[in-house]
Each structure stands twice: as C-alpha cells, then as structure tokens.
Protein backbone atom coordinates (compact mmCIF):
# COMPACT_ATOMS: atom_id res chain seq x y z
CA MET A 1 8.51 -36.18 6.69
CA SER A 2 4.94 -35.65 5.61
CA SER A 3 3.37 -32.37 6.87
CA ARG A 4 0.52 -34.46 8.34
CA LEU A 5 2.95 -36.14 10.66
CA ARG A 6 4.73 -33.03 11.62
CA SER A 7 4.30 -31.71 15.23
CA SER A 8 2.59 -28.34 15.28
CA LYS A 9 1.08 -26.29 17.76
CA VAL A 10 -0.83 -24.06 15.14
CA ARG A 11 -1.95 -26.50 12.63
CA HIS A 12 -5.46 -26.37 13.68
CA VAL A 13 -5.90 -22.51 13.57
CA TYR A 14 -9.50 -21.56 12.49
CA ALA A 15 -12.07 -18.82 12.41
CA ASP A 16 -15.72 -18.76 12.63
CA LEU A 17 -17.61 -16.71 10.12
CA PRO A 18 -19.52 -13.95 11.81
CA LYS A 19 -23.38 -13.78 11.85
CA ASP A 20 -24.93 -10.85 9.54
CA LYS A 21 -25.53 -8.75 12.75
CA GLU A 22 -21.85 -8.84 13.69
CA THR A 23 -20.86 -7.37 10.55
CA TYR A 24 -20.76 -3.86 9.07
CA SER A 25 -22.96 -3.10 5.88
CA ASN A 26 -25.01 -1.07 3.73
CA PHE A 27 -22.49 1.27 2.16
CA THR A 28 -21.62 1.60 -1.46
CA LEU A 29 -18.05 1.35 -2.31
CA ASP A 30 -15.95 3.82 -4.62
CA SER A 31 -15.46 2.26 -7.83
CA THR A 32 -12.03 3.68 -8.59
CA MET A 33 -9.60 0.78 -9.19
CA GLY A 34 -5.88 0.21 -8.06
CA ASP A 35 -3.54 -2.44 -6.43
CA HIS A 36 -4.20 -1.05 -2.93
CA ASN A 37 -6.33 -2.96 -0.40
CA PHE A 38 -9.45 -0.59 -0.32
CA ILE A 39 -9.65 -0.96 3.43
CA ASN A 40 -7.21 0.01 6.30
CA ALA A 41 -7.68 -0.72 10.10
CA GLY A 42 -6.19 0.83 13.20
CA LEU A 43 -6.43 -0.26 16.86
CA LYS A 44 -9.84 1.77 17.20
CA HIS A 45 -11.44 2.26 13.66
CA PHE A 46 -11.23 1.19 10.06
CA ALA A 47 -11.58 3.25 6.92
CA LEU A 48 -12.75 2.77 3.24
CA SER A 49 -13.48 4.80 0.27
CA VAL A 50 -17.34 5.02 -0.56
CA LYS A 51 -18.99 6.29 -3.48
CA GLY A 52 -19.91 10.18 -3.49
CA GLY A 53 -18.73 13.52 -4.46
CA GLY A 54 -14.92 14.44 -3.80
CA GLY A 55 -13.21 11.73 -2.13
CA GLN A 56 -15.51 10.32 0.67
CA VAL A 57 -14.12 8.08 3.22
CA LEU A 58 -16.10 6.03 5.90
CA VAL A 59 -14.56 5.67 9.24
CA ILE A 60 -16.28 3.08 11.46
CA SER A 61 -15.09 2.22 15.06
CA HIS A 62 -14.57 -1.31 15.86
CA GLY A 63 -17.56 -2.85 17.38
CA ASN A 64 -20.15 -0.71 15.92
CA TYR A 65 -21.86 -3.55 14.01
CA GLY A 66 -24.77 -3.41 11.84
CA LYS A 67 -26.13 -1.11 8.86
CA VAL A 68 -24.11 2.24 8.96
CA ASN A 69 -27.11 3.80 7.48
CA GLN A 70 -29.67 2.61 10.02
CA ASN A 71 -29.95 6.12 11.55
CA GLY A 72 -29.83 8.01 8.10
CA ALA A 73 -26.61 8.79 6.07
CA PRO A 74 -23.55 7.98 7.93
CA PRO A 75 -21.10 10.87 8.87
CA ILE A 76 -18.05 10.72 6.42
CA ILE A 77 -14.80 12.30 5.90
CA ASN A 78 -14.47 14.54 2.78
CA GLY A 79 -11.33 16.70 2.40
CA HIS A 80 -10.40 15.67 -1.28
CA LYS A 81 -11.32 17.00 -4.65
CA SER A 82 -11.46 13.31 -6.08
CA ALA A 83 -11.32 9.73 -4.90
CA VAL A 84 -9.34 8.45 -2.10
CA LEU A 85 -7.26 5.59 -3.40
CA ASP A 86 -5.46 4.54 0.05
CA THR A 87 -5.91 5.27 3.75
CA ALA A 88 -3.39 4.42 7.05
CA PHE A 89 -3.86 4.85 10.55
CA SER A 90 -0.90 5.74 12.98
CA PRO A 91 0.50 2.88 14.77
CA PHE A 92 1.00 5.21 17.83
CA ASN A 93 -2.36 6.84 17.65
CA GLY A 94 -5.55 5.23 16.70
CA ASP A 95 -7.29 8.32 15.89
CA ILE A 96 -4.67 9.76 13.49
CA LEU A 97 -5.76 8.63 9.81
CA ALA A 98 -3.92 9.59 6.48
CA THR A 99 -5.86 9.69 3.21
CA GLY A 100 -4.19 9.74 -0.25
CA SER A 101 -6.26 10.73 -3.36
CA THR A 102 -6.33 10.89 -7.16
CA ASP A 103 -6.25 14.86 -6.59
CA CYS A 104 -2.42 14.40 -5.77
CA SER A 105 -2.72 15.52 -2.04
CA ILE A 106 -2.60 13.93 1.27
CA CYS A 107 -4.81 14.75 4.29
CA ILE A 108 -4.03 14.10 7.71
CA TRP A 109 -7.15 13.87 10.17
CA GLN A 110 -7.68 13.70 13.85
CA ILE A 111 -10.63 11.33 14.53
CA PRO A 112 -12.70 12.80 17.58
CA GLU A 113 -12.83 10.74 20.76
CA GLY A 114 -15.71 8.18 20.31
CA GLY A 115 -15.32 8.16 16.38
CA VAL A 116 -16.81 10.35 13.77
CA LYS A 117 -20.04 11.59 14.69
CA GLU A 118 -20.51 14.49 12.10
CA ASN A 119 -19.25 15.21 8.53
CA MET A 120 -15.49 16.17 8.57
CA THR A 121 -14.11 18.42 5.77
CA ASP A 122 -11.13 20.23 7.24
CA PRO A 123 -7.90 18.15 7.88
CA ALA A 124 -5.41 18.73 10.51
CA ILE A 125 -2.92 19.34 7.79
CA ARG A 126 -2.84 18.82 3.93
CA LEU A 127 0.39 17.71 2.24
CA ALA A 128 0.57 18.46 -1.51
CA LYS A 129 3.64 17.76 -3.32
CA HIS A 130 3.15 14.90 -5.42
CA HIS A 131 2.59 15.62 -9.16
CA LYS A 132 0.30 12.63 -9.87
CA LYS A 133 -2.24 10.58 -7.85
CA VAL A 134 -1.26 9.20 -4.34
CA ILE A 135 -1.66 5.42 -4.49
CA PHE A 136 -0.07 3.94 -1.21
CA LEU A 137 0.33 5.35 2.27
CA GLU A 138 2.50 3.60 5.13
CA PHE A 139 3.22 4.95 8.50
CA HIS A 140 6.65 4.26 9.83
CA PRO A 141 6.66 1.42 12.49
CA THR A 142 8.86 2.89 14.99
CA SER A 143 9.21 6.64 14.55
CA SER A 144 6.60 9.07 15.43
CA ASN A 145 4.82 11.00 12.89
CA VAL A 146 6.70 9.86 9.75
CA LEU A 147 4.57 8.79 6.80
CA ALA A 148 5.51 7.50 3.38
CA SER A 149 3.50 8.10 0.07
CA ALA A 150 3.96 6.44 -3.01
CA SER A 151 2.71 8.23 -6.10
CA ALA A 152 1.88 7.54 -9.77
CA ASP A 153 4.50 10.16 -10.40
CA LYS A 154 6.91 7.20 -9.61
CA THR A 155 8.45 8.81 -6.33
CA ILE A 156 8.09 8.04 -2.87
CA ARG A 157 8.15 10.65 -0.34
CA LEU A 158 8.82 10.58 3.57
CA TRP A 159 6.68 13.21 5.53
CA ASP A 160 6.88 14.60 8.92
CA ILE A 161 3.20 15.19 9.33
CA GLU A 162 3.54 17.34 12.25
CA THR A 163 5.41 20.06 10.32
CA GLY A 164 4.26 19.02 6.69
CA GLN A 165 7.76 18.88 5.54
CA ILE A 166 9.40 16.32 3.21
CA GLY A 167 12.31 14.60 5.05
CA SER A 168 13.46 12.52 1.84
CA GLU A 169 12.15 11.42 -1.38
CA PHE A 170 13.16 8.22 -3.45
CA LYS A 171 13.14 8.52 -7.34
CA ASN A 172 14.77 5.05 -8.50
CA HIS A 173 11.44 3.41 -9.86
CA LYS A 174 11.03 3.27 -13.54
CA ASP A 175 7.34 2.75 -13.80
CA LEU A 176 4.25 2.59 -11.67
CA ILE A 177 4.90 1.39 -7.96
CA GLN A 178 2.58 -1.54 -7.13
CA SER A 179 3.27 -2.09 -3.42
CA MET A 180 5.13 -0.59 -0.55
CA LEU A 181 6.09 -1.99 2.92
CA TRP A 182 8.38 -1.14 5.68
CA ASN A 183 10.44 -3.74 7.48
CA GLU A 184 10.06 -4.33 11.35
CA ASP A 185 12.38 -1.56 12.56
CA GLY A 186 11.74 0.91 9.40
CA SER A 187 15.35 0.95 8.24
CA LEU A 188 14.46 -0.53 4.85
CA MET A 189 11.35 -0.23 2.54
CA PHE A 190 10.33 -2.89 0.04
CA THR A 191 8.40 -2.24 -3.26
CA THR A 192 7.37 -3.93 -6.20
CA CYS A 193 6.83 -2.14 -9.61
CA LYS A 194 5.21 -2.62 -13.05
CA ASP A 195 8.90 -2.92 -14.41
CA LYS A 196 8.72 -6.49 -12.94
CA HIS A 197 11.46 -5.67 -10.47
CA ALA A 198 11.16 -5.65 -6.57
CA ARG A 199 13.55 -3.24 -4.60
CA PHE A 200 14.82 -3.19 -0.95
CA PHE A 201 16.10 0.29 -0.14
CA ASP A 202 16.64 3.04 2.70
CA PRO A 203 14.62 5.78 1.26
CA ARG A 204 16.77 8.41 3.18
CA THR A 205 19.79 7.67 1.11
CA ASN A 206 18.24 6.77 -2.39
CA GLU A 207 20.56 3.62 -1.90
CA VAL A 208 19.03 0.36 -3.34
CA VAL A 209 20.26 -2.55 -1.22
CA ALA A 210 18.90 -5.12 -3.64
CA LYS A 211 16.84 -5.17 -7.03
CA PHE A 212 15.42 -8.44 -8.55
CA SER A 213 12.88 -9.81 -10.61
CA ALA A 214 10.50 -11.58 -7.98
CA HIS A 215 7.63 -12.49 -10.43
CA GLU A 216 7.34 -12.51 -14.33
CA SER A 217 3.87 -10.98 -14.61
CA VAL A 218 3.20 -7.29 -14.61
CA LYS A 219 0.32 -7.81 -12.29
CA ALA A 220 0.86 -6.52 -8.79
CA ALA A 221 3.16 -8.43 -6.40
CA LYS A 222 3.31 -8.00 -2.83
CA GLY A 223 5.29 -9.24 0.09
CA VAL A 224 5.93 -9.63 3.86
CA PHE A 225 9.20 -9.51 6.02
CA MET A 226 9.80 -12.55 8.35
CA THR A 227 12.76 -10.92 10.16
CA SER A 228 13.24 -13.46 12.75
CA MET A 229 13.58 -16.09 10.23
CA ASN A 230 15.82 -13.86 7.87
CA LYS A 231 13.02 -14.75 5.32
CA PHE A 232 10.90 -12.69 2.93
CA VAL A 233 7.72 -13.93 1.06
CA THR A 234 6.40 -12.53 -2.07
CA VAL A 235 2.93 -13.41 -3.98
CA GLY A 236 2.66 -12.51 -7.58
CA ALA A 237 1.94 -14.41 -10.88
CA THR A 238 3.84 -16.23 -13.61
CA LYS A 239 3.71 -15.22 -17.44
CA GLN A 240 0.78 -17.93 -17.77
CA ALA A 241 -1.00 -16.07 -15.13
CA LYS A 242 -0.78 -18.82 -12.46
CA ARG A 243 -0.71 -17.10 -9.01
CA GLU A 244 2.40 -18.39 -7.09
CA LEU A 245 4.29 -17.67 -3.50
CA LYS A 246 7.94 -17.68 -3.21
CA VAL A 247 10.24 -17.61 -0.27
CA TRP A 248 13.57 -15.66 -0.28
CA ASP A 249 16.58 -15.19 2.13
CA ILE A 250 16.85 -11.46 3.03
CA ARG A 251 20.61 -12.02 3.60
CA LYS A 252 21.18 -13.18 -0.16
CA MET A 253 18.79 -10.77 -1.91
CA SER A 254 21.73 -9.93 -4.35
CA GLU A 255 21.59 -13.39 -5.49
CA THR A 256 18.15 -13.15 -6.83
CA LYS A 257 17.52 -17.01 -6.14
CA GLN A 258 14.20 -17.99 -4.21
CA LEU A 259 14.55 -20.59 -1.79
CA LYS A 260 11.02 -22.31 -2.42
CA ARG A 261 8.30 -21.45 -4.84
CA ILE A 262 4.81 -22.67 -4.64
CA THR A 263 1.99 -22.46 -7.42
CA LEU A 264 -1.20 -21.61 -6.02
CA ASP A 265 -3.80 -21.43 -8.38
CA SER A 266 -4.94 -19.53 -11.70
CA ALA A 267 -7.39 -17.27 -10.31
CA ALA A 268 -6.91 -13.37 -11.56
CA GLY A 269 -7.03 -11.36 -8.42
CA THR A 270 -4.21 -9.68 -6.75
CA MET A 271 -2.95 -11.48 -3.66
CA MET A 272 -2.66 -9.97 -0.20
CA PRO A 273 -0.11 -11.51 2.41
CA PHE A 274 -0.47 -11.05 6.21
CA TYR A 275 2.11 -12.42 8.82
CA ASP A 276 1.70 -13.42 12.34
CA ARG A 277 5.22 -13.01 13.74
CA ALA A 278 4.48 -14.61 17.04
CA ASN A 279 3.33 -18.01 15.67
CA LYS A 280 5.16 -17.68 12.31
CA LEU A 281 1.63 -17.91 10.34
CA LEU A 282 1.17 -16.56 7.12
CA PHE A 283 -2.29 -15.59 5.71
CA VAL A 284 -2.87 -15.32 1.90
CA GLY A 285 -6.19 -13.74 0.46
CA GLY A 286 -6.90 -12.55 -2.90
CA LYS A 287 -9.27 -10.10 -4.67
CA GLY A 288 -12.26 -11.79 -5.96
CA ASP A 289 -11.46 -14.90 -3.84
CA GLY A 290 -14.01 -16.73 -1.26
CA SER A 291 -11.20 -18.26 0.54
CA MET A 292 -7.92 -17.45 2.45
CA ARG A 293 -4.71 -19.88 2.77
CA ILE A 294 -2.91 -20.16 6.02
CA PHE A 295 0.57 -21.47 6.00
CA GLU A 296 2.94 -22.21 8.83
CA MET A 297 6.85 -21.04 8.29
CA ALA A 298 9.38 -23.22 9.73
CA GLU A 299 13.25 -23.42 10.11
CA ASP A 300 13.58 -26.95 8.41
CA LYS A 301 14.30 -27.51 4.82
CA ASN A 302 10.73 -27.44 3.67
CA MET A 303 10.28 -23.97 4.98
CA ILE A 304 6.58 -23.70 4.48
CA TYR A 305 3.55 -25.92 5.48
CA GLU A 306 -0.17 -25.39 4.44
CA CYS A 307 -2.24 -25.54 7.38
CA SER A 308 -5.70 -24.94 5.89
CA GLN A 309 -7.71 -23.26 3.37
CA PHE A 310 -10.28 -21.18 5.03
CA SER A 311 -13.64 -20.06 3.38
CA THR A 312 -14.40 -16.44 3.91
CA GLY A 313 -18.03 -16.53 2.69
CA GLU A 314 -19.94 -16.57 -0.41
CA GLU A 315 -19.35 -12.74 -1.32
CA PRO A 316 -16.13 -12.18 -3.40
CA CYS A 317 -13.47 -10.26 -1.53
CA LYS A 318 -12.66 -6.75 -2.38
CA GLY A 319 -9.87 -6.16 -0.02
CA LEU A 320 -8.30 -7.26 3.42
CA THR A 321 -6.59 -5.58 6.14
CA ALA A 322 -5.09 -7.18 9.48
CA LEU A 323 -5.52 -5.23 12.77
CA PRO A 324 -2.88 -4.58 15.19
CA LYS A 325 -2.03 -7.69 17.51
CA ALA A 326 -3.05 -5.39 20.37
CA SER A 327 -6.71 -5.74 19.16
CA CYS A 328 -6.64 -9.74 19.45
CA ASP A 329 -8.42 -11.29 22.48
CA VAL A 330 -5.60 -13.31 23.74
CA MET A 331 -7.49 -14.91 26.51
CA LYS A 332 -9.58 -16.64 23.57
CA CYS A 333 -6.23 -17.55 21.93
CA GLU A 334 -7.05 -15.10 18.96
CA THR A 335 -3.77 -14.88 16.98
CA MET A 336 -4.98 -12.85 14.11
CA ARG A 337 -7.91 -10.63 13.20
CA ILE A 338 -8.44 -9.67 9.64
CA LEU A 339 -11.05 -7.53 8.14
CA LYS A 340 -12.80 -8.83 4.70
CA LEU A 341 -14.39 -6.24 2.64
CA SER A 342 -16.82 -7.29 -0.22
CA SER A 343 -19.21 -5.08 -2.15
CA GLN A 344 -21.58 -4.02 0.65
CA ARG A 345 -20.17 -5.66 3.77
CA VAL A 346 -17.09 -5.78 6.06
CA SER A 347 -16.74 -9.12 7.99
CA GLU A 348 -14.51 -9.67 10.99
CA LEU A 349 -12.50 -12.82 10.80
CA LYS A 350 -11.00 -13.76 14.11
CA PHE A 351 -8.52 -16.61 13.83
CA VAL A 352 -7.95 -18.86 16.97
CA ILE A 353 -5.31 -21.39 17.92
CA PRO A 354 -7.37 -23.93 20.01
CA ARG A 355 -6.23 -24.65 23.61
CA LYS A 356 -8.14 -26.30 26.43
CA SER A 357 -6.87 -23.99 29.13
CA ASP A 358 -8.40 -20.73 30.03
CA ASP A 359 -4.91 -19.12 31.16
CA PHE A 360 -2.78 -16.67 29.26
CA GLN A 361 -0.80 -18.64 26.70
CA GLU A 362 2.89 -17.43 26.85
CA ASP A 363 4.07 -19.51 23.99
CA LEU A 364 1.53 -18.39 21.55
CA PHE A 365 1.70 -14.51 22.73
CA PRO A 366 5.33 -13.42 23.19
CA ASP A 367 5.90 -9.61 23.62
CA ASP A 368 4.85 -7.47 20.72
CA TYR A 369 4.37 -4.13 19.65
CA ALA A 370 3.34 -1.65 22.20
CA GLY A 371 1.94 1.22 19.96
CA ILE A 372 4.76 3.57 21.53
CA PRO A 373 7.21 5.20 19.07
CA ALA A 374 10.89 4.44 19.72
CA GLN A 375 12.36 7.59 18.45
CA THR A 376 11.13 10.96 16.87
CA ALA A 377 10.95 11.92 13.26
CA ALA A 378 14.04 14.00 13.66
CA ASP A 379 15.96 11.02 14.85
CA TYR A 380 14.83 9.17 11.79
CA PHE A 381 15.67 11.58 9.12
CA ALA A 382 19.01 12.14 10.93
CA GLY A 383 19.95 8.43 10.01
CA GLN A 384 18.99 6.48 13.21
CA ASN A 385 17.25 3.17 13.37
CA ALA A 386 15.41 1.98 16.55
CA ALA A 387 13.94 -1.33 17.14
CA PRO A 388 10.12 -1.29 17.94
CA VAL A 389 9.09 -1.02 21.58
CA LEU A 390 7.48 -4.35 22.84
CA MET A 391 5.20 -5.07 25.48
CA SER A 392 3.66 -8.17 27.22
CA LEU A 393 0.33 -9.12 25.78
CA ASN A 394 -0.91 -10.48 29.10
CA PRO A 395 -3.74 -8.39 30.22
CA GLU A 396 -2.54 -8.11 33.69
CA GLU A 397 0.91 -6.91 32.58
CA ARG A 398 0.15 -4.87 29.45
CA THR A 399 2.02 -1.47 29.47
CA ASP A 400 0.85 0.07 26.22
CA VAL A 401 -0.73 3.56 26.20
CA GLN A 402 -3.85 4.71 24.58
CA ALA A 403 -2.48 6.95 22.16
CA GLN A 404 0.57 9.35 21.29
CA SER A 405 -0.13 13.11 21.05
CA PHE A 406 -0.17 14.77 17.86
CA SER A 407 -0.32 18.68 17.07
CA ALA A 408 0.15 19.93 13.57
CA LYS A 409 2.69 22.76 13.05
CA PRO A 410 2.82 23.10 9.33
CA SER A 411 5.51 24.90 7.77
CA ALA A 412 6.09 25.56 4.12
CA GLY A 413 4.73 22.61 2.11
CA GLY A 414 1.90 21.94 4.58
CA SER A 415 -1.42 23.68 5.20
CA LYS A 416 -3.06 23.44 8.58
CA GLY A 417 -6.81 22.84 9.59
CA PRO A 418 -8.25 22.75 13.06
CA VAL A 419 -6.76 19.92 15.25
CA LYS A 420 -7.50 18.84 18.66
CA ALA A 421 -4.67 17.34 20.93
CA VAL A 422 -4.92 13.83 21.99
CA ASN A 423 -5.46 13.25 25.86
CA VAL A 424 -2.70 10.56 26.45
CA VAL A 425 -3.70 7.71 28.90
CA ASN A 426 -0.73 5.80 30.65
CA ALA A 427 -0.85 2.34 32.13
CA ASP A 428 -2.34 3.43 35.41
CA GLY A 429 -5.28 4.76 33.76
CA LYS A 430 -4.05 8.38 34.41
CA SER A 431 -4.54 11.12 31.42
CA THR A 432 -2.21 13.90 30.51
CA THR A 433 -4.56 16.17 32.01
CA ASP A 434 -4.51 14.33 35.29
CA LEU A 435 -0.72 14.09 35.33
CA GLU A 436 -0.41 17.82 34.64
CA LYS A 437 -2.62 18.60 37.49
CA GLU A 438 -0.61 16.32 39.70
CA LEU A 439 2.57 17.98 38.57
CA LYS A 440 1.38 21.47 39.30
CA ALA A 441 0.15 20.39 42.66
CA ALA A 442 3.52 18.85 43.30
CA GLN A 443 5.43 21.80 42.25
CA ALA A 444 3.34 24.27 44.41
CA LYS A 445 4.19 21.94 47.44
CA ILE A 446 7.83 22.05 46.79
CA LYS A 447 7.75 25.84 46.58
CA SER A 448 5.99 25.72 49.89
CA LEU A 449 8.51 23.38 51.44
CA GLU A 450 11.31 25.54 50.02
CA ALA A 451 9.86 28.75 51.82
CA GLU A 452 9.52 26.69 55.04
CA VAL A 453 13.11 25.45 54.73
CA LYS A 454 14.31 29.07 54.36
CA CYS A 455 12.22 30.29 57.38
CA LEU A 456 13.72 27.60 59.31
CA GLU A 457 17.39 28.21 58.28
CA LYS A 458 17.04 32.08 59.30
CA LYS A 459 15.83 30.87 62.85
CA LEU A 460 18.52 28.37 63.05
CA ALA A 461 21.11 31.18 62.01
CA SER A 462 19.66 33.60 64.77
CA PHE A 463 20.72 31.15 67.57
CA ASN A 464 24.42 31.23 66.06
C-alpha cells in the first residue's frame, strides 16, 4: 500500500521556525572538529563549547532567549586546559554537567540554582585517567551517578562520579571511537568505530554481544535503539559517499544483515538521529544541512515511512541535540524538542502533532522517563540492571522530582572542588529542607508522647 494512503496519526508532524527574538545568539563557537554533536541539553540548560582560552563552555538556561552578550561578556565555565569536545547533563539532575576535553580529563560541575551567573573555574570533581583526549560522554539512563567516557586512547571507562572511581573499562576497540550510546535500561552500549565495525556490548564484562559492519565508509556512523519494536537504526555512508539509513533486528545482530536500507543523499556531513519512542518518530539531521528528515517507524513489512522533510532555516547546521521528553509542552501536542546549533545561533525546534482537542492526548503521550534513578551506581557495577522509572506526562498526574541530590566524595582517582548540595523538590512541592524540618518536628512530638505514655503507665501501676 502506498504510504500516502496509509492511515497515520503522526504523518502531519510539523515545527514552526522560531523568530530571531526566540533564539540564542551572539557567541563564537570553538573551532575544534570532531564527530560529537557540539551541543548537549538537559531539562534546565544546554551547553556548548565556545572560543577562548582553556576549554570554555557556555551554559544557557532554557527560555533565556536573546543575545548572550547583551549585558557584557557572558559567564562561562572553564576548568580545562584546552578545548572541550563533549558535554553531558545528568538525566536525574539538570544542574549536573560533565565536560570532556582534549586535556584528557573530565570535569563534573554543579550548576547553581537559576543558572550560571558568574565564571566558574573549580569543578565539583575532576576525573583524569584517560591517556588521550576525551571525545564522548554519556550518563547511564537508569543508574545514579554513572558516567561513560570514550577517549582517543580507544577505551571506554565507566565512572562513579560521586567517588571519582572507575567502575569498569572496555578495551575492545582497535581504532578511534566515532559514537557511543546506551540502550534504554543501560544493560548494553552501542558504539561505532573507524575500523568500520559497530559493536553491542556490556561494558562491565568486556563481552561483545555483536560486532558487525554497519556502513562501508570510514565516516562516523550513529544509531538509535527502538527497543519496543526490537529494532535498531543506523545512519552512515557508503564507499561512494552516499548517506544511507539502515534498519536492523536487535534480536538477530549476529546475522549482520539489515532488514531495510534507504539511500538518502550525497551530502558530506555526519548525520545525527533522534527517536521519539512514544510515537515511533525518527528525526534525522546532518552537519551542514539546512533540513531534517522525519520518518515514522511501523510494524508492517515496509518498516519505515517518510513523513516529511522539514527546513530548519538558511544557516547550515553545526550540531543537534534533543531535550528530555519532560520538557515538551504536551498540552500543545509537542512530541519532540530539538536544538539546532549554527555558527552563531541556537534555534529551538518544537515538533507538534496537530490535534483539534485541547485535552491531554493519552495516545500521543504514554508514560515516559520520570528523571528518577532506578538503582544506585553500586547496584549497576554489581551486575544488576533496572528498567527506567516512568511517569505520566499528564500535567495533573506527573510524579517527577526536580532533581536528584549529588555530593562529590572523591577517593583516589578523583579530585574535589567546592560543591553545593541540591535541594530536592518532590511532587507535593516540598523541598528536602522542608521535609527534614517536618521530620524533626515529628520526632520531637513522638518523644513527647513517649514520655507522656510512661507517665500514664506509672500512674496506672500505682492503682494496682
């Protein structure tokens, strides 16, 4: 059946280009090249590397539109000796930022409440065990304070960022790592490498589950998990430099045979895929591109349908990042929010599935990540796996918390800087400080009642 006649609730997904006053502008990007996305976003802020001495990182809070230098030079984070290649925000605390640099170190930062207001040079903790530049960073999706780092020394290291200790190290790559990704519960990692091989493995055991040739070109390939469909999608290039998309069956990776292949174009830029698990939408953009392709994944024999090709503006794309689903305005049927980085501007692309009703659309927004860890770092390094904690996206029923507390306690292997504890807020709007006060008051009342019980027991015993 033609895709034009096929019934689809998401076919007309669209985004309006933001006005200039609703973008972030007037900064100068760092010129260091790499296969990373150059921009990363959390629930509260986004970060990008800018030109300047050391490894300067600009952190901007969502919604603070306009020229970043309109009130003078913007405050920056600068704790490295040379350029920062990648950044990552904790999925459980929007104020925890990791930065990886060409100086071979990783810094963990505690962003102050309300954003960066002054220059920051002292990280909460510094991790320095790699022998070459750090090129990729990814926080574990379900375990608290577990960070994966990939380096040009061809290793991947897993860190407990509270203690600064290395939990495990993976040394199976024979060439430069070009991408790194966790699956939904963090039980497996996916990487692509300059040796033209993609790998699935558990980094705790050094056991490679599958190794296969995803794309023929040495250019960076990237991928996304589609766990509920038992599918995996990779984007890369052929020997003839034609960009392509492939669909794989996760259950049969050892067979190294794709289920479907689509030739996209002959552009040169590295592609970056993002997946909306709720509505099975795949967004694919590329460096240097002025457009983004949107596909719908399906369970039928065709497996993938192109919904549209969306123009992202005249300025060529330098990088892309997707915000957590919890940041989307579900009452406006916003299903995905992607930040597009160009040379001097960051634009917010809000993708909407049109609906006539103003009510919450349960079919478009099933339960999604709650931003709460399902297990501790110790549990993960002990070999346990845990499914992500989900929550309702209905504004009247959301049960997420504002942040998970973090306090650096470095042992050998990590150096500590000043760190401020996070004041957690629960679904009732009460902070940890409020709850501690209530707990102390309740404990004092219990002691008073216990004393009263003892007094009454003595009086009762006197009658006997």
